[in-house]
C-alpha atoms as a PDB file:
ATOM      1  CA  MET A   1      62.888-295.480 130.942  1.00  0.00           C
ATOM      2  CA  MET A   2      65.201-298.250 129.721  1.00  0.00           C
ATOM      3  CA  ASN A   3      63.718-298.155 126.186  1.00  0.00           C
ATOM      4  CA  LYS A   4      64.170-294.388 125.961  1.00  0.00           C
ATOM      5  CA  ARG A   5      67.838-294.686 126.954  1.00  0.00           C
ATOM      6  CA  LYS A   6      68.429-297.429 124.394  1.00  0.00           C
ATOM      7  CA  SER A   7      66.948-295.345 121.556  1.00  0.00           C
ATOM      8  CA  LEU A   8      69.046-292.367 122.667  1.00  0.00           C
ATOM      9  CA  ASP A   9      72.225-294.459 122.530  1.00  0.00           C
ATOM     10  CA  THR A  10      71.543-295.556 118.955  1.00  0.00           C
ATOM     11  CA  SER A  11      71.136-291.962 117.793  1.00  0.00           C
ATOM     12  CA  LEU A  12      74.539-290.843 119.063  1.00  0.00           C
ATOM     13  CA  LEU A  13      77.731-290.942 117.051  1.00  0.00           C
ATOM     14  CA  PRO A  14      80.426-293.134 118.587  1.00  0.00           C
ATOM     15  CA  PHE A  15      83.249-291.180 120.199  1.00  0.00           C
ATOM     16  CA  SER A  16      85.777-292.971 117.997  1.00  0.00           C
ATOM     17  CA  VAL A  17      84.078-291.600 114.872  1.00  0.00           C
ATOM     18  CA  ILE A  18      84.100-288.082 116.318  1.00  0.00           C
ATOM     19  CA  ARG A  19      87.795-288.398 117.195  1.00  0.00           C
ATOM     20  CA  MET A  20      88.733-289.676 113.728  1.00  0.00           C
ATOM     21  CA  ALA A  21      86.637-286.953 112.047  1.00  0.00           C
ATOM     22  CA  ALA A  22      88.333-284.262 114.124  1.00  0.00           C
ATOM     23  CA  ASP A  23      91.681-285.725 113.052  1.00  0.00           C
ATOM     24  CA  GLY A  24      90.669-285.345 109.400  1.00  0.00           C
ATOM     25  CA  ASN A  25      89.665-288.907 108.471  1.00  0.00           C
ATOM     26  CA  VAL A  26      87.531-288.559 105.333  1.00  0.00           C
ATOM     27  CA  ASP A  27      85.442-291.673 106.014  1.00  0.00           C
ATOM     28  CA  ALA A  28      84.647-290.465 109.538  1.00  0.00           C
ATOM     29  CA  ILE A  29      83.697-287.001 108.255  1.00  0.00           C
ATOM     30  CA  ASN A  30      81.376-288.659 105.740  1.00  0.00           C
ATOM     31  CA  ALA A  31      79.867-290.717 108.588  1.00  0.00           C
ATOM     32  CA  VAL A  32      79.149-287.493 110.508  1.00  0.00           C
ATOM     33  CA  LEU A  33      77.587-285.914 107.413  1.00  0.00           C
ATOM     34  CA  LYS A  34      75.481-289.039 106.886  1.00  0.00           C
ATOM     35  CA  HIS A  35      74.369-288.905 110.530  1.00  0.00           C
ATOM     36  CA  TYR A  36      73.155-285.323 110.151  1.00  0.00           C
ATOM     37  CA  GLU A  37      71.832-285.497 106.570  1.00  0.00           C
ATOM     38  CA  GLY A  38      68.168-285.612 107.657  1.00  0.00           C
ATOM     39  CA  TYR A  39      68.565-282.611 109.926  1.00  0.00           C
ATOM     40  CA  ILE A  40      70.419-280.672 107.228  1.00  0.00           C
ATOM     41  CA  ALA A  41      67.722-281.551 104.690  1.00  0.00           C
ATOM     42  CA  ALA A  42      65.018-280.353 107.089  1.00  0.00           C
ATOM     43  CA  LEU A  43      66.852-277.063 107.627  1.00  0.00           C
ATOM     44  CA  SER A  44      67.302-276.673 103.861  1.00  0.00           C
ATOM     45  CA  THR A  45      63.645-277.262 102.970  1.00  0.00           C
ATOM     46  CA  LYS A  46      61.823-274.128 101.873  1.00  0.00           C
ATOM     47  CA  ARG A  47      58.165-273.451 101.200  1.00  0.00           C
ATOM     48  CA  PHE A  48      56.989-271.381  98.285  1.00  0.00           C
ATOM     49  CA  TYR A  49      53.557-270.614  96.894  1.00  0.00           C
ATOM     50  CA  ASP A  50      52.538-270.874  93.270  1.00  0.00           C
ATOM     51  CA  GLU A  51      50.345-268.361  91.434  1.00  0.00           C
ATOM     52  CA  ASN A  52      47.219-270.050  92.857  1.00  0.00           C
ATOM     53  CA  GLY A  53      48.464-269.805  96.433  1.00  0.00           C
ATOM     54  CA  ASN A  54      49.214-273.526  96.778  1.00  0.00           C
ATOM     55  CA  PRO A  55      52.204-274.295  98.993  1.00  0.00           C
ATOM     56  CA  HIS A  56      55.104-276.361  97.635  1.00  0.00           C
ATOM     57  CA  LEU A  57      58.233-277.575  99.393  1.00  0.00           C
ATOM     58  CA  TYR A  58      61.638-277.732  97.770  1.00  0.00           C
ATOM     59  CA  LEU A  59      65.146-278.498  98.906  1.00  0.00           C
ATOM     60  CA  ASP A  60      67.450-275.499  98.609  1.00  0.00           C
ATOM     61  CA  GLU A  61      70.591-277.249  97.367  1.00  0.00           C
ATOM     62  CA  GLU A  62      72.798-274.181  97.857  1.00  0.00           C
ATOM     63  CA  LEU A  63      71.761-273.843 101.499  1.00  0.00           C
ATOM     64  CA  LYS A  64      72.275-277.586 101.997  1.00  0.00           C
ATOM     65  CA  ARG A  65      75.838-277.382 100.644  1.00  0.00           C
ATOM     66  CA  ARG A  66      76.586-274.331 102.790  1.00  0.00           C
ATOM     67  CA  LEU A  67      75.394-276.160 105.927  1.00  0.00           C
ATOM     68  CA  GLU A  68      77.467-279.231 105.045  1.00  0.00           C
ATOM     69  CA  THR A  69      80.525-277.056 104.453  1.00  0.00           C
ATOM     70  CA  LYS A  70      80.002-275.296 107.781  1.00  0.00           C
ATOM     71  CA  LEU A  71      79.697-278.651 109.560  1.00  0.00           C
ATOM     72  CA  ILE A  72      82.907-279.938 107.948  1.00  0.00           C
ATOM     73  CA  THR A  73      84.717-276.736 108.946  1.00  0.00           C
ATOM     74  CA  LYS A  74      83.573-277.099 112.558  1.00  0.00           C
ATOM     75  CA  ILE A  75      84.514-280.777 112.627  1.00  0.00           C
ATOM     76  CA  LEU A  76      88.062-279.996 111.509  1.00  0.00           C
ATOM     77  CA  THR A  77      88.485-277.225 114.117  1.00  0.00           C
ATOM     78  CA  PHE A  78      86.934-279.307 116.933  1.00  0.00           C
ATOM     79  CA  LYS A  79      89.386-279.830 119.791  1.00  0.00           C
ATOM     80  CA  LEU A  80      89.128-282.919 121.963  1.00  0.00           C
ATOM     81  CA  ALA A  81      90.398-282.723 125.517  1.00  0.00           C
END
């Protein structure tokens, strides 16, 4: 149980970074984007099939940018109590 808690702690963003990002700090916003880049890339990955029916994966750059923009927008409107 202790090991699971430790790995969970390392995957969380520090509160100070969240606070600075919500206040508009560019470096903190970039840290949040960096934290979520793998998740955004996974959401932006699409599968298509060639003429032979073979599946191929590609990263939809437009969708990736839209998700990053949406995250930045939500960060800047996030209210801390």
